N, C-alpha and C. Protein backbone atom coordinates (compact mmCIF):
# COMPACT_ATOMS: atom_id res chain seq x y z
N MET A 1 31.26 -5.76 144.89
CA MET A 1 31.53 -5.86 146.33
C MET A 1 31.41 -7.32 146.75
N THR A 2 32.39 -7.78 147.50
CA THR A 2 32.37 -9.17 147.96
C THR A 2 31.71 -9.28 149.32
N LEU A 3 31.09 -10.42 149.54
CA LEU A 3 30.49 -10.76 150.82
C LEU A 3 30.86 -12.21 151.12
N ASP A 4 31.81 -12.39 152.02
CA ASP A 4 32.27 -13.73 152.38
C ASP A 4 31.43 -14.26 153.53
N VAL A 5 30.87 -15.45 153.34
CA VAL A 5 30.01 -16.08 154.33
C VAL A 5 30.75 -17.28 154.93
N PHE A 6 31.21 -17.14 156.16
CA PHE A 6 31.82 -18.24 156.88
C PHE A 6 30.71 -18.97 157.64
N ALA A 7 30.48 -20.23 157.31
CA ALA A 7 29.35 -20.95 157.89
C ALA A 7 29.58 -22.44 157.82
N ASP A 8 28.74 -23.17 158.56
CA ASP A 8 28.78 -24.64 158.56
C ASP A 8 27.37 -25.16 158.34
N ILE A 9 27.25 -26.19 157.54
CA ILE A 9 25.93 -26.75 157.24
C ILE A 9 25.28 -27.35 158.49
N ALA A 10 26.06 -27.81 159.45
CA ALA A 10 25.49 -28.40 160.67
C ALA A 10 25.16 -27.36 161.71
N CYS A 11 25.21 -26.09 161.36
CA CYS A 11 24.93 -24.98 162.28
C CYS A 11 23.54 -24.42 162.00
N PRO A 12 22.58 -24.62 162.90
CA PRO A 12 21.22 -24.12 162.64
C PRO A 12 21.14 -22.61 162.53
N TRP A 13 21.98 -21.91 163.28
CA TRP A 13 21.95 -20.44 163.23
C TRP A 13 22.54 -19.93 161.92
N CYS A 14 23.41 -20.72 161.30
CA CYS A 14 23.87 -20.37 159.96
C CYS A 14 22.73 -20.46 158.96
N TYR A 15 21.86 -21.44 159.13
CA TYR A 15 20.68 -21.60 158.28
C TYR A 15 19.76 -20.41 158.43
N ILE A 16 19.51 -20.01 159.66
CA ILE A 16 18.64 -18.87 159.93
C ILE A 16 19.28 -17.59 159.40
N GLY A 17 20.58 -17.44 159.64
CA GLY A 17 21.28 -16.27 159.12
C GLY A 17 21.24 -16.20 157.61
N GLU A 18 21.35 -17.34 156.95
CA GLU A 18 21.28 -17.37 155.49
C GLU A 18 19.92 -16.89 154.99
N ALA A 19 18.86 -17.29 155.68
CA ALA A 19 17.51 -16.85 155.29
C ALA A 19 17.37 -15.34 155.48
N HIS A 20 17.89 -14.82 156.58
CA HIS A 20 17.82 -13.38 156.83
C HIS A 20 18.63 -12.60 155.80
N LEU A 21 19.83 -13.10 155.50
CA LEU A 21 20.67 -12.43 154.51
C LEU A 21 20.01 -12.45 153.13
N ALA A 22 19.43 -13.57 152.76
CA ALA A 22 18.77 -13.67 151.45
C ALA A 22 17.65 -12.64 151.33
N GLU A 23 16.89 -12.46 152.41
CA GLU A 23 15.82 -11.46 152.38
C GLU A 23 16.39 -10.06 152.28
N ALA A 24 17.49 -9.79 152.99
CA ALA A 24 18.12 -8.47 152.91
C ALA A 24 18.61 -8.19 151.49
N LEU A 25 19.17 -9.19 150.85
CA LEU A 25 19.64 -9.02 149.47
C LEU A 25 18.47 -8.76 148.52
N ARG A 26 17.32 -9.38 148.80
CA ARG A 26 16.13 -9.10 147.98
C ARG A 26 15.68 -7.65 148.15
N GLN A 27 15.90 -7.11 149.33
CA GLN A 27 15.50 -5.72 149.58
C GLN A 27 16.50 -4.71 149.02
N ARG A 28 17.66 -5.18 148.66
CA ARG A 28 18.69 -4.30 148.09
C ARG A 28 19.20 -4.87 146.75
N PRO A 29 18.31 -4.95 145.76
CA PRO A 29 18.75 -5.48 144.46
C PRO A 29 19.68 -4.48 143.77
N GLY A 30 20.48 -5.00 142.89
CA GLY A 30 21.32 -4.12 142.09
C GLY A 30 22.61 -3.69 142.73
N LEU A 31 22.97 -4.27 143.89
CA LEU A 31 24.21 -3.86 144.54
C LEU A 31 25.44 -4.53 143.94
N GLY A 32 25.24 -5.55 143.15
CA GLY A 32 26.38 -6.22 142.55
C GLY A 32 27.21 -6.99 143.56
N ILE A 33 26.52 -7.68 144.47
CA ILE A 33 27.19 -8.44 145.52
C ILE A 33 27.73 -9.75 144.97
N GLU A 34 28.99 -10.03 145.24
CA GLU A 34 29.58 -11.34 144.95
C GLU A 34 29.63 -12.09 146.29
N ARG A 35 28.65 -12.95 146.50
CA ARG A 35 28.56 -13.69 147.77
C ARG A 35 29.37 -14.97 147.64
N ARG A 36 30.29 -15.19 148.60
CA ARG A 36 31.21 -16.33 148.51
C ARG A 36 31.09 -17.20 149.76
N TRP A 37 30.92 -18.49 149.54
CA TRP A 37 30.85 -19.46 150.63
C TRP A 37 32.26 -19.77 151.12
N ARG A 38 32.48 -19.65 152.44
CA ARG A 38 33.76 -19.95 153.05
C ARG A 38 33.57 -21.08 154.06
N PRO A 39 34.03 -22.29 153.74
CA PRO A 39 33.81 -23.42 154.64
C PRO A 39 34.39 -23.19 156.03
N PHE A 40 33.60 -23.55 157.02
CA PHE A 40 34.03 -23.51 158.42
C PHE A 40 33.34 -24.67 159.12
N GLN A 41 34.11 -25.46 159.84
CA GLN A 41 33.53 -26.60 160.57
C GLN A 41 33.55 -26.32 162.06
N LEU A 42 32.38 -26.36 162.66
CA LEU A 42 32.29 -26.18 164.11
C LEU A 42 32.90 -27.37 164.84
N GLN A 43 32.83 -28.55 164.22
CA GLN A 43 33.38 -29.77 164.82
C GLN A 43 34.31 -30.45 163.80
N PRO A 44 35.46 -29.84 163.52
CA PRO A 44 36.33 -30.39 162.47
C PRO A 44 36.95 -31.73 162.83
N ASP A 45 36.95 -32.08 164.11
CA ASP A 45 37.60 -33.32 164.53
C ASP A 45 36.65 -34.51 164.63
N LEU A 46 35.41 -34.33 164.22
CA LEU A 46 34.49 -35.47 164.23
C LEU A 46 34.99 -36.55 163.27
N PRO A 47 34.75 -37.82 163.57
CA PRO A 47 35.14 -38.89 162.64
C PRO A 47 34.38 -38.75 161.33
N PRO A 48 34.89 -39.34 160.25
CA PRO A 48 34.25 -39.19 158.93
C PRO A 48 32.79 -39.59 158.93
N GLN A 49 32.41 -40.56 159.77
CA GLN A 49 31.01 -41.01 159.82
C GLN A 49 30.16 -40.19 160.77
N GLY A 50 30.76 -39.15 161.40
CA GLY A 50 30.00 -38.34 162.34
C GLY A 50 29.85 -39.02 163.69
N GLN A 51 28.92 -38.47 164.50
CA GLN A 51 28.65 -39.00 165.83
C GLN A 51 27.15 -39.23 165.99
N PRO A 52 26.74 -40.23 166.79
CA PRO A 52 25.32 -40.48 167.00
C PRO A 52 24.64 -39.35 167.78
N ARG A 53 23.34 -39.46 167.93
CA ARG A 53 22.53 -38.40 168.53
C ARG A 53 22.98 -38.05 169.95
N GLU A 54 23.57 -39.02 170.66
CA GLU A 54 24.03 -38.76 172.02
C GLU A 54 25.06 -37.63 172.08
N PHE A 55 25.67 -37.33 170.96
CA PHE A 55 26.61 -36.21 170.89
C PHE A 55 25.95 -34.93 171.38
N PHE A 56 24.70 -34.72 170.98
CA PHE A 56 23.99 -33.50 171.37
C PHE A 56 23.73 -33.47 172.87
N HIS A 57 23.45 -34.63 173.44
CA HIS A 57 23.22 -34.70 174.88
C HIS A 57 24.47 -34.30 175.66
N ARG A 58 25.61 -34.73 175.17
CA ARG A 58 26.87 -34.33 175.82
C ARG A 58 27.12 -32.83 175.63
N LYS A 59 26.81 -32.33 174.46
CA LYS A 59 27.06 -30.93 174.15
C LYS A 59 26.19 -30.00 174.99
N PHE A 60 24.92 -30.34 175.13
CA PHE A 60 23.99 -29.45 175.81
C PHE A 60 23.77 -29.79 177.28
N GLY A 61 24.29 -30.94 177.72
CA GLY A 61 24.15 -31.29 179.13
C GLY A 61 22.96 -32.16 179.46
N GLY A 62 22.60 -33.05 178.55
CA GLY A 62 21.52 -34.00 178.82
C GLY A 62 20.36 -33.86 177.87
N PRO A 63 19.48 -34.89 177.83
CA PRO A 63 18.35 -34.88 176.89
C PRO A 63 17.40 -33.71 177.07
N GLU A 64 17.09 -33.34 178.30
CA GLU A 64 16.13 -32.26 178.52
C GLU A 64 16.67 -30.93 178.00
N ARG A 65 17.92 -30.65 178.29
CA ARG A 65 18.52 -29.40 177.81
C ARG A 65 18.66 -29.42 176.30
N THR A 66 18.92 -30.58 175.76
CA THR A 66 19.00 -30.70 174.30
C THR A 66 17.67 -30.36 173.65
N GLU A 67 16.60 -30.93 174.17
CA GLU A 67 15.28 -30.67 173.60
C GLU A 67 14.89 -29.21 173.75
N ALA A 68 15.26 -28.60 174.88
CA ALA A 68 14.96 -27.18 175.08
C ALA A 68 15.70 -26.32 174.07
N ALA A 69 16.97 -26.65 173.84
CA ALA A 69 17.76 -25.90 172.86
C ALA A 69 17.18 -26.07 171.46
N PHE A 70 16.78 -27.30 171.14
CA PHE A 70 16.19 -27.55 169.82
C PHE A 70 14.89 -26.78 169.65
N ALA A 71 14.06 -26.75 170.69
CA ALA A 71 12.78 -26.05 170.61
C ALA A 71 12.99 -24.55 170.39
N HIS A 72 13.96 -23.99 171.11
CA HIS A 72 14.26 -22.56 170.96
C HIS A 72 14.71 -22.26 169.54
N THR A 73 15.57 -23.10 169.01
CA THR A 73 16.08 -22.88 167.66
C THR A 73 14.97 -23.04 166.62
N ALA A 74 14.13 -24.05 166.80
CA ALA A 74 13.03 -24.27 165.86
C ALA A 74 12.08 -23.09 165.83
N GLN A 75 11.85 -22.48 167.00
CA GLN A 75 10.98 -21.31 167.07
C GLN A 75 11.58 -20.14 166.30
N ALA A 76 12.89 -19.92 166.47
CA ALA A 76 13.57 -18.86 165.73
C ALA A 76 13.53 -19.15 164.24
N GLY A 77 13.69 -20.41 163.87
CA GLY A 77 13.64 -20.78 162.46
C GLY A 77 12.26 -20.54 161.86
N GLU A 78 11.24 -20.87 162.61
CA GLU A 78 9.87 -20.66 162.12
C GLU A 78 9.62 -19.19 161.82
N ALA A 79 10.15 -18.30 162.67
CA ALA A 79 9.99 -16.87 162.44
C ALA A 79 10.67 -16.43 161.15
N ALA A 80 11.69 -17.18 160.74
CA ALA A 80 12.40 -16.86 159.50
C ALA A 80 11.81 -17.60 158.30
N GLY A 81 10.73 -18.35 158.53
CA GLY A 81 10.10 -19.10 157.45
C GLY A 81 10.76 -20.43 157.16
N LEU A 82 11.49 -20.96 158.14
CA LEU A 82 12.20 -22.23 157.97
C LEU A 82 11.59 -23.31 158.83
N ARG A 83 11.70 -24.54 158.36
CA ARG A 83 11.19 -25.68 159.12
C ARG A 83 12.36 -26.49 159.67
N PHE A 84 12.34 -26.66 160.98
CA PHE A 84 13.31 -27.53 161.65
C PHE A 84 12.57 -28.73 162.23
N ASP A 85 13.10 -29.91 162.01
CA ASP A 85 12.55 -31.11 162.63
C ASP A 85 13.70 -31.87 163.27
N PHE A 86 14.06 -31.43 164.48
CA PHE A 86 15.22 -32.03 165.15
C PHE A 86 14.99 -33.48 165.54
N SER A 87 13.73 -33.91 165.56
CA SER A 87 13.46 -35.30 165.92
C SER A 87 14.03 -36.26 164.87
N GLN A 88 14.28 -35.75 163.66
CA GLN A 88 14.80 -36.61 162.59
C GLN A 88 16.32 -36.67 162.54
N LEU A 89 17.00 -35.84 163.32
CA LEU A 89 18.45 -35.84 163.27
C LEU A 89 19.01 -37.16 163.79
N ALA A 90 19.74 -37.84 162.94
CA ALA A 90 20.35 -39.09 163.38
C ALA A 90 21.57 -38.84 164.24
N GLY A 91 22.22 -37.72 164.03
CA GLY A 91 23.42 -37.41 164.80
C GLY A 91 24.11 -36.18 164.26
N ALA A 92 25.35 -35.98 164.70
CA ALA A 92 26.15 -34.83 164.27
C ALA A 92 27.08 -35.26 163.15
N PRO A 93 26.98 -34.65 161.98
CA PRO A 93 27.80 -35.10 160.85
C PRO A 93 29.16 -34.41 160.81
N ASN A 94 30.11 -35.08 160.20
CA ASN A 94 31.32 -34.42 159.75
C ASN A 94 30.95 -33.74 158.43
N THR A 95 31.12 -32.44 158.35
CA THR A 95 30.58 -31.70 157.20
C THR A 95 31.60 -31.46 156.08
N THR A 96 32.72 -32.15 156.12
CA THR A 96 33.71 -31.96 155.06
C THR A 96 33.11 -32.21 153.68
N ASP A 97 32.40 -33.33 153.51
CA ASP A 97 31.84 -33.65 152.20
C ASP A 97 30.76 -32.65 151.79
N ALA A 98 29.98 -32.17 152.74
CA ALA A 98 28.98 -31.16 152.41
C ALA A 98 29.65 -29.89 151.89
N HIS A 99 30.72 -29.46 152.54
CA HIS A 99 31.45 -28.29 152.07
C HIS A 99 32.06 -28.54 150.70
N ARG A 100 32.60 -29.74 150.48
CA ARG A 100 33.19 -30.05 149.18
C ARG A 100 32.12 -30.00 148.09
N LEU A 101 30.94 -30.47 148.42
CA LEU A 101 29.84 -30.46 147.46
C LEU A 101 29.46 -29.02 147.09
N ILE A 102 29.47 -28.14 148.08
CA ILE A 102 29.16 -26.73 147.81
C ILE A 102 30.20 -26.12 146.87
N LEU A 103 31.48 -26.43 147.11
CA LEU A 103 32.53 -25.90 146.24
C LEU A 103 32.39 -26.45 144.82
N LEU A 104 32.02 -27.72 144.69
CA LEU A 104 31.74 -28.27 143.37
C LEU A 104 30.57 -27.54 142.72
N ALA A 105 29.52 -27.29 143.49
CA ALA A 105 28.33 -26.63 142.96
C ALA A 105 28.67 -25.25 142.40
N GLY A 106 29.69 -24.61 142.97
CA GLY A 106 30.09 -23.31 142.47
C GLY A 106 30.55 -23.35 141.02
N THR A 107 31.07 -24.48 140.57
CA THR A 107 31.50 -24.60 139.17
C THR A 107 30.30 -24.68 138.23
N TYR A 108 29.12 -24.92 138.77
CA TYR A 108 27.88 -24.95 137.99
C TYR A 108 27.00 -23.73 138.29
N ASP A 109 27.57 -22.76 139.02
CA ASP A 109 26.81 -21.58 139.44
C ASP A 109 25.56 -21.98 140.25
N ARG A 110 25.73 -23.00 141.10
CA ARG A 110 24.61 -23.48 141.92
C ARG A 110 25.00 -23.48 143.41
N THR A 111 25.89 -22.58 143.78
CA THR A 111 26.38 -22.56 145.16
C THR A 111 25.25 -22.42 146.17
N TRP A 112 24.45 -21.37 146.03
CA TRP A 112 23.49 -21.05 147.09
C TRP A 112 22.27 -21.94 147.04
N GLU A 113 21.94 -22.45 145.86
CA GLU A 113 20.89 -23.46 145.78
C GLU A 113 21.32 -24.72 146.54
N THR A 114 22.60 -25.07 146.43
CA THR A 114 23.12 -26.25 147.11
C THR A 114 23.21 -26.02 148.62
N VAL A 115 23.65 -24.84 149.01
CA VAL A 115 23.67 -24.49 150.44
C VAL A 115 22.28 -24.65 151.05
N ASP A 116 21.29 -24.06 150.41
CA ASP A 116 19.92 -24.13 150.94
C ASP A 116 19.41 -25.57 150.96
N ALA A 117 19.73 -26.33 149.91
CA ALA A 117 19.27 -27.72 149.85
C ALA A 117 19.91 -28.56 150.94
N LEU A 118 21.18 -28.32 151.24
CA LEU A 118 21.85 -29.05 152.31
C LEU A 118 21.27 -28.69 153.67
N PHE A 119 21.07 -27.41 153.91
CA PHE A 119 20.47 -26.98 155.17
C PHE A 119 19.10 -27.63 155.36
N GLU A 120 18.27 -27.52 154.34
CA GLU A 120 16.91 -28.08 154.43
C GLU A 120 16.95 -29.60 154.56
N GLY A 121 17.83 -30.23 153.80
CA GLY A 121 17.92 -31.68 153.87
C GLY A 121 18.30 -32.16 155.25
N TYR A 122 19.24 -31.49 155.87
CA TYR A 122 19.70 -31.92 157.19
C TYR A 122 18.71 -31.55 158.28
N PHE A 123 18.31 -30.29 158.34
CA PHE A 123 17.52 -29.81 159.48
C PHE A 123 16.02 -30.10 159.37
N ALA A 124 15.50 -30.20 158.16
CA ALA A 124 14.07 -30.42 158.00
C ALA A 124 13.72 -31.86 157.64
N ASP A 125 14.59 -32.50 156.86
CA ASP A 125 14.25 -33.82 156.32
C ASP A 125 15.06 -34.96 156.91
N GLY A 126 15.99 -34.65 157.79
CA GLY A 126 16.76 -35.70 158.44
C GLY A 126 17.74 -36.42 157.53
N ARG A 127 18.22 -35.75 156.49
CA ARG A 127 19.21 -36.36 155.60
C ARG A 127 20.53 -36.56 156.35
N ASP A 128 21.23 -37.62 156.00
CA ASP A 128 22.52 -37.94 156.61
C ASP A 128 23.61 -37.32 155.73
N LEU A 129 24.28 -36.31 156.25
CA LEU A 129 25.30 -35.62 155.46
C LEU A 129 26.58 -36.41 155.33
N ASN A 130 26.63 -37.59 155.93
CA ASN A 130 27.77 -38.49 155.72
C ASN A 130 27.40 -39.70 154.89
N ASP A 131 26.22 -39.65 154.27
CA ASP A 131 25.77 -40.72 153.40
C ASP A 131 25.85 -40.25 151.95
N ALA A 132 26.62 -40.95 151.12
CA ALA A 132 26.83 -40.53 149.74
C ALA A 132 25.52 -40.44 148.97
N GLY A 133 24.62 -41.39 149.20
CA GLY A 133 23.35 -41.37 148.49
C GLY A 133 22.53 -40.14 148.81
N ASP A 134 22.49 -39.75 150.07
CA ASP A 134 21.76 -38.55 150.47
C ASP A 134 22.39 -37.31 149.87
N LEU A 135 23.72 -37.22 149.89
CA LEU A 135 24.39 -36.06 149.35
C LEU A 135 24.18 -35.93 147.85
N VAL A 136 24.23 -37.04 147.14
CA VAL A 136 24.01 -37.00 145.70
C VAL A 136 22.57 -36.55 145.40
N ALA A 137 21.61 -37.05 146.16
CA ALA A 137 20.22 -36.66 145.95
C ALA A 137 20.03 -35.16 146.20
N ILE A 138 20.67 -34.65 147.23
CA ILE A 138 20.60 -33.22 147.53
C ILE A 138 21.23 -32.42 146.39
N ALA A 139 22.37 -32.88 145.90
CA ALA A 139 23.05 -32.18 144.81
C ALA A 139 22.17 -32.12 143.57
N GLU A 140 21.56 -33.24 143.22
CA GLU A 140 20.69 -33.26 142.05
C GLU A 140 19.51 -32.32 142.22
N HIS A 141 18.95 -32.29 143.43
CA HIS A 141 17.83 -31.38 143.71
C HIS A 141 18.24 -29.93 143.52
N ALA A 142 19.50 -29.64 143.80
CA ALA A 142 20.00 -28.26 143.68
C ALA A 142 20.48 -27.92 142.29
N GLY A 143 20.47 -28.89 141.39
CA GLY A 143 20.86 -28.63 140.01
C GLY A 143 22.28 -29.01 139.65
N VAL A 144 22.93 -29.79 140.52
CA VAL A 144 24.28 -30.29 140.24
C VAL A 144 24.15 -31.71 139.68
N PRO A 145 24.82 -32.03 138.58
CA PRO A 145 24.70 -33.38 138.02
C PRO A 145 25.08 -34.45 139.05
N GLY A 146 24.19 -35.43 139.20
CA GLY A 146 24.41 -36.46 140.21
C GLY A 146 25.69 -37.24 139.98
N ALA A 147 26.00 -37.54 138.71
CA ALA A 147 27.21 -38.31 138.41
C ALA A 147 28.46 -37.56 138.86
N ASP A 148 28.45 -36.25 138.68
CA ASP A 148 29.61 -35.45 139.09
C ASP A 148 29.71 -35.37 140.60
N ALA A 149 28.56 -35.29 141.27
CA ALA A 149 28.56 -35.26 142.73
C ALA A 149 29.10 -36.58 143.28
N ARG A 150 28.67 -37.68 142.70
CA ARG A 150 29.15 -38.98 143.17
C ARG A 150 30.64 -39.16 142.91
N ALA A 151 31.10 -38.69 141.75
CA ALA A 151 32.53 -38.77 141.46
C ALA A 151 33.33 -37.96 142.46
N LEU A 152 32.80 -36.81 142.85
CA LEU A 152 33.47 -35.98 143.86
C LEU A 152 33.62 -36.74 145.17
N LEU A 153 32.56 -37.42 145.58
CA LEU A 153 32.57 -38.13 146.85
C LEU A 153 33.48 -39.34 146.83
N ASP A 154 33.87 -39.76 145.62
CA ASP A 154 34.78 -40.90 145.49
C ASP A 154 36.24 -40.48 145.50
N ASP A 155 36.51 -39.16 145.50
CA ASP A 155 37.89 -38.71 145.56
C ASP A 155 38.01 -37.64 146.65
N ASP A 156 39.10 -36.90 146.64
CA ASP A 156 39.32 -35.92 147.71
C ASP A 156 39.39 -34.49 147.19
N ARG A 157 38.78 -34.23 146.05
CA ARG A 157 38.77 -32.87 145.53
C ARG A 157 38.16 -31.89 146.52
N TYR A 158 38.77 -30.72 146.61
CA TYR A 158 38.33 -29.61 147.47
C TYR A 158 38.55 -29.86 148.96
N ALA A 159 39.05 -31.02 149.33
CA ALA A 159 39.30 -31.26 150.76
C ALA A 159 40.35 -30.29 151.28
N ALA A 160 41.38 -30.03 150.48
CA ALA A 160 42.41 -29.09 150.89
C ALA A 160 41.85 -27.67 150.99
N ASP A 161 40.88 -27.35 150.13
CA ASP A 161 40.26 -26.02 150.17
C ASP A 161 39.45 -25.85 151.45
N VAL A 162 38.78 -26.91 151.87
CA VAL A 162 38.01 -26.86 153.12
C VAL A 162 38.95 -26.63 154.29
N ARG A 163 40.04 -27.36 154.33
CA ARG A 163 41.01 -27.19 155.42
C ARG A 163 41.64 -25.80 155.38
N ARG A 164 41.93 -25.31 154.19
CA ARG A 164 42.55 -24.00 154.06
C ARG A 164 41.61 -22.90 154.55
N SER A 165 40.34 -23.00 154.21
CA SER A 165 39.36 -22.01 154.67
C SER A 165 39.26 -22.00 156.19
N GLN A 166 39.31 -23.17 156.78
CA GLN A 166 39.27 -23.28 158.25
C GLN A 166 40.49 -22.58 158.86
N THR A 167 41.65 -22.81 158.28
CA THR A 167 42.87 -22.21 158.78
C THR A 167 42.84 -20.69 158.66
N VAL A 168 42.39 -20.21 157.51
CA VAL A 168 42.29 -18.77 157.28
C VAL A 168 41.36 -18.13 158.32
N ALA A 169 40.22 -18.78 158.57
CA ALA A 169 39.27 -18.26 159.54
C ALA A 169 39.89 -18.20 160.94
N GLN A 170 40.55 -19.27 161.33
CA GLN A 170 41.15 -19.32 162.66
C GLN A 170 42.25 -18.28 162.81
N ARG A 171 43.06 -18.09 161.78
CA ARG A 171 44.12 -17.09 161.84
C ARG A 171 43.54 -15.68 161.91
N ALA A 172 42.33 -15.51 161.37
CA ALA A 172 41.66 -14.21 161.43
C ALA A 172 40.90 -14.01 162.74
N GLY A 173 40.98 -15.01 163.61
CA GLY A 173 40.31 -14.90 164.90
C GLY A 173 38.85 -15.30 164.90
N ILE A 174 38.42 -15.97 163.84
CA ILE A 174 37.03 -16.42 163.75
C ILE A 174 36.92 -17.74 164.49
N GLY A 175 36.16 -17.74 165.58
CA GLY A 175 36.01 -18.95 166.38
C GLY A 175 34.62 -19.54 166.33
N GLY A 176 33.69 -18.82 165.72
CA GLY A 176 32.31 -19.29 165.63
C GLY A 176 31.65 -18.73 164.39
N VAL A 177 30.57 -19.35 164.00
CA VAL A 177 29.84 -18.93 162.81
C VAL A 177 28.34 -18.94 163.11
N PRO A 178 27.56 -18.20 162.29
CA PRO A 178 27.95 -17.56 161.03
C PRO A 178 28.70 -16.25 161.25
N LEU A 179 29.55 -15.95 160.28
CA LEU A 179 30.23 -14.66 160.25
C LEU A 179 30.24 -14.17 158.81
N TYR A 180 29.94 -12.88 158.64
CA TYR A 180 29.79 -12.29 157.31
C TYR A 180 30.79 -11.15 157.18
N LEU A 181 31.65 -11.25 156.18
CA LEU A 181 32.69 -10.26 155.95
C LEU A 181 32.32 -9.44 154.71
N PHE A 182 32.03 -8.18 154.93
CA PHE A 182 31.55 -7.29 153.87
C PHE A 182 32.72 -6.54 153.23
N GLY A 183 33.00 -6.88 151.97
CA GLY A 183 34.02 -6.17 151.23
C GLY A 183 35.38 -6.16 151.89
N GLU A 184 35.65 -7.15 152.71
CA GLU A 184 36.93 -7.22 153.43
C GLU A 184 37.17 -5.97 154.27
N GLN A 185 36.06 -5.32 154.68
CA GLN A 185 36.15 -4.08 155.44
C GLN A 185 35.65 -4.22 156.87
N PHE A 186 34.50 -4.86 157.03
CA PHE A 186 33.96 -5.06 158.37
C PHE A 186 33.14 -6.34 158.39
N ALA A 187 32.90 -6.83 159.59
CA ALA A 187 32.22 -8.11 159.74
C ALA A 187 30.96 -7.98 160.57
N LEU A 188 30.04 -8.90 160.33
CA LEU A 188 28.82 -9.04 161.11
C LEU A 188 28.75 -10.49 161.53
N SER A 189 28.53 -10.74 162.82
CA SER A 189 28.51 -12.12 163.29
C SER A 189 27.14 -12.48 163.84
N GLY A 190 26.83 -13.77 163.73
CA GLY A 190 25.58 -14.29 164.27
C GLY A 190 24.43 -14.19 163.28
N ALA A 191 23.33 -14.86 163.64
CA ALA A 191 22.12 -14.84 162.80
C ALA A 191 21.36 -13.55 163.06
N GLN A 192 21.89 -12.46 162.57
CA GLN A 192 21.32 -11.14 162.80
C GLN A 192 19.96 -11.00 162.12
N PRO A 193 19.12 -10.10 162.62
CA PRO A 193 17.83 -9.86 161.94
C PRO A 193 18.03 -9.25 160.57
N VAL A 194 17.00 -9.33 159.76
CA VAL A 194 17.07 -8.82 158.39
C VAL A 194 17.52 -7.37 158.37
N GLU A 195 16.99 -6.57 159.29
CA GLU A 195 17.30 -5.15 159.31
C GLU A 195 18.79 -4.90 159.49
N ALA A 196 19.45 -5.72 160.30
CA ALA A 196 20.89 -5.57 160.52
C ALA A 196 21.66 -5.86 159.24
N PHE A 197 21.22 -6.86 158.49
CA PHE A 197 21.88 -7.16 157.23
C PHE A 197 21.67 -6.04 156.21
N VAL A 198 20.47 -5.49 156.18
CA VAL A 198 20.19 -4.38 155.26
C VAL A 198 21.10 -3.20 155.58
N GLN A 199 21.22 -2.88 156.86
CA GLN A 199 22.09 -1.76 157.25
C GLN A 199 23.54 -2.04 156.89
N ALA A 200 23.98 -3.29 157.08
CA ALA A 200 25.35 -3.65 156.74
C ALA A 200 25.59 -3.54 155.23
N LEU A 201 24.62 -3.96 154.44
CA LEU A 201 24.75 -3.85 152.99
C LEU A 201 24.84 -2.38 152.57
N ASP A 202 24.02 -1.54 153.17
CA ASP A 202 24.06 -0.10 152.85
C ASP A 202 25.41 0.50 153.23
N ARG A 203 25.89 0.12 154.40
CA ARG A 203 27.19 0.63 154.85
C ARG A 203 28.31 0.20 153.92
N ALA A 204 28.28 -1.08 153.53
CA ALA A 204 29.31 -1.60 152.64
C ALA A 204 29.24 -0.95 151.27
N ALA A 205 28.02 -0.71 150.78
CA ALA A 205 27.85 -0.07 149.48
C ALA A 205 28.38 1.35 149.51
N GLU A 206 28.12 2.09 150.59
CA GLU A 206 28.62 3.45 150.72
C GLU A 206 30.15 3.46 150.76
N ALA A 207 30.73 2.51 151.49
CA ALA A 207 32.19 2.42 151.57
C ALA A 207 32.79 2.07 150.22
N ASP A 208 32.10 1.21 149.47
CA ASP A 208 32.59 0.80 148.16
C ASP A 208 32.58 1.98 147.21
N VAL A 209 31.53 2.79 147.26
CA VAL A 209 31.44 3.98 146.40
C VAL A 209 32.54 4.97 146.77
N SER A 210 32.77 5.13 148.09
CA SER A 210 33.80 6.04 148.55
C SER A 210 35.19 5.62 148.07
N ASP A 211 35.46 4.30 148.15
CA ASP A 211 36.75 3.80 147.70
C ASP A 211 36.95 4.04 146.20
N THR A 212 35.88 3.85 145.44
CA THR A 212 35.94 4.06 143.99
C THR A 212 36.22 5.52 143.68
N SER A 213 35.57 6.41 144.43
CA SER A 213 35.76 7.85 144.22
C SER A 213 37.18 8.26 144.54
N ASP A 214 37.75 7.70 145.62
CA ASP A 214 39.12 8.04 146.01
C ASP A 214 40.13 7.60 144.96
N ALA A 215 39.80 6.47 144.31
CA ALA A 215 40.72 5.95 143.30
C ALA A 215 40.77 6.90 142.10
């Protein structure tokens, strides 16, 4: 059974949703889930170097509202066992290279280790996702050879795949993330609680068994 995860590394709720989904999968071992990362950029038009921290002030309506939003998100993250340190965010990154790195990691069977390392690096440690050195360090931490990660950042491999995934999502009516597509049958959106993911996994597994029986 496939589980397509449409998400963006610069999305804190995608990070929280990933933690909830991972726990749900631990509670339902043996389902044979093929979890697939589907790149989606919330801000695809950002310049390659990203935008400075003032971007968040414009997005949320000023410094006070920005800090309030960050505090709310950090509290939700803490409940999921995640650490957010928004004070370290230098700005809003263009996440094309982060997505490309994840697709490269898939060739080493290190997709989800790399996803988690990128989330943690950006939201907890203040890593710059538009800095090649930071990205290579994150890749190595996740088990991807640093030399291969650096070579990727020196060319445009997987850039077309990132754009294609964005187009597919938009044509499917996906305007925000996270979004989880279970077996190409039904979707769950948002950073749902663990229980919601468990129920969705059970529903998808029942549908998968039914389809097999019909065949």
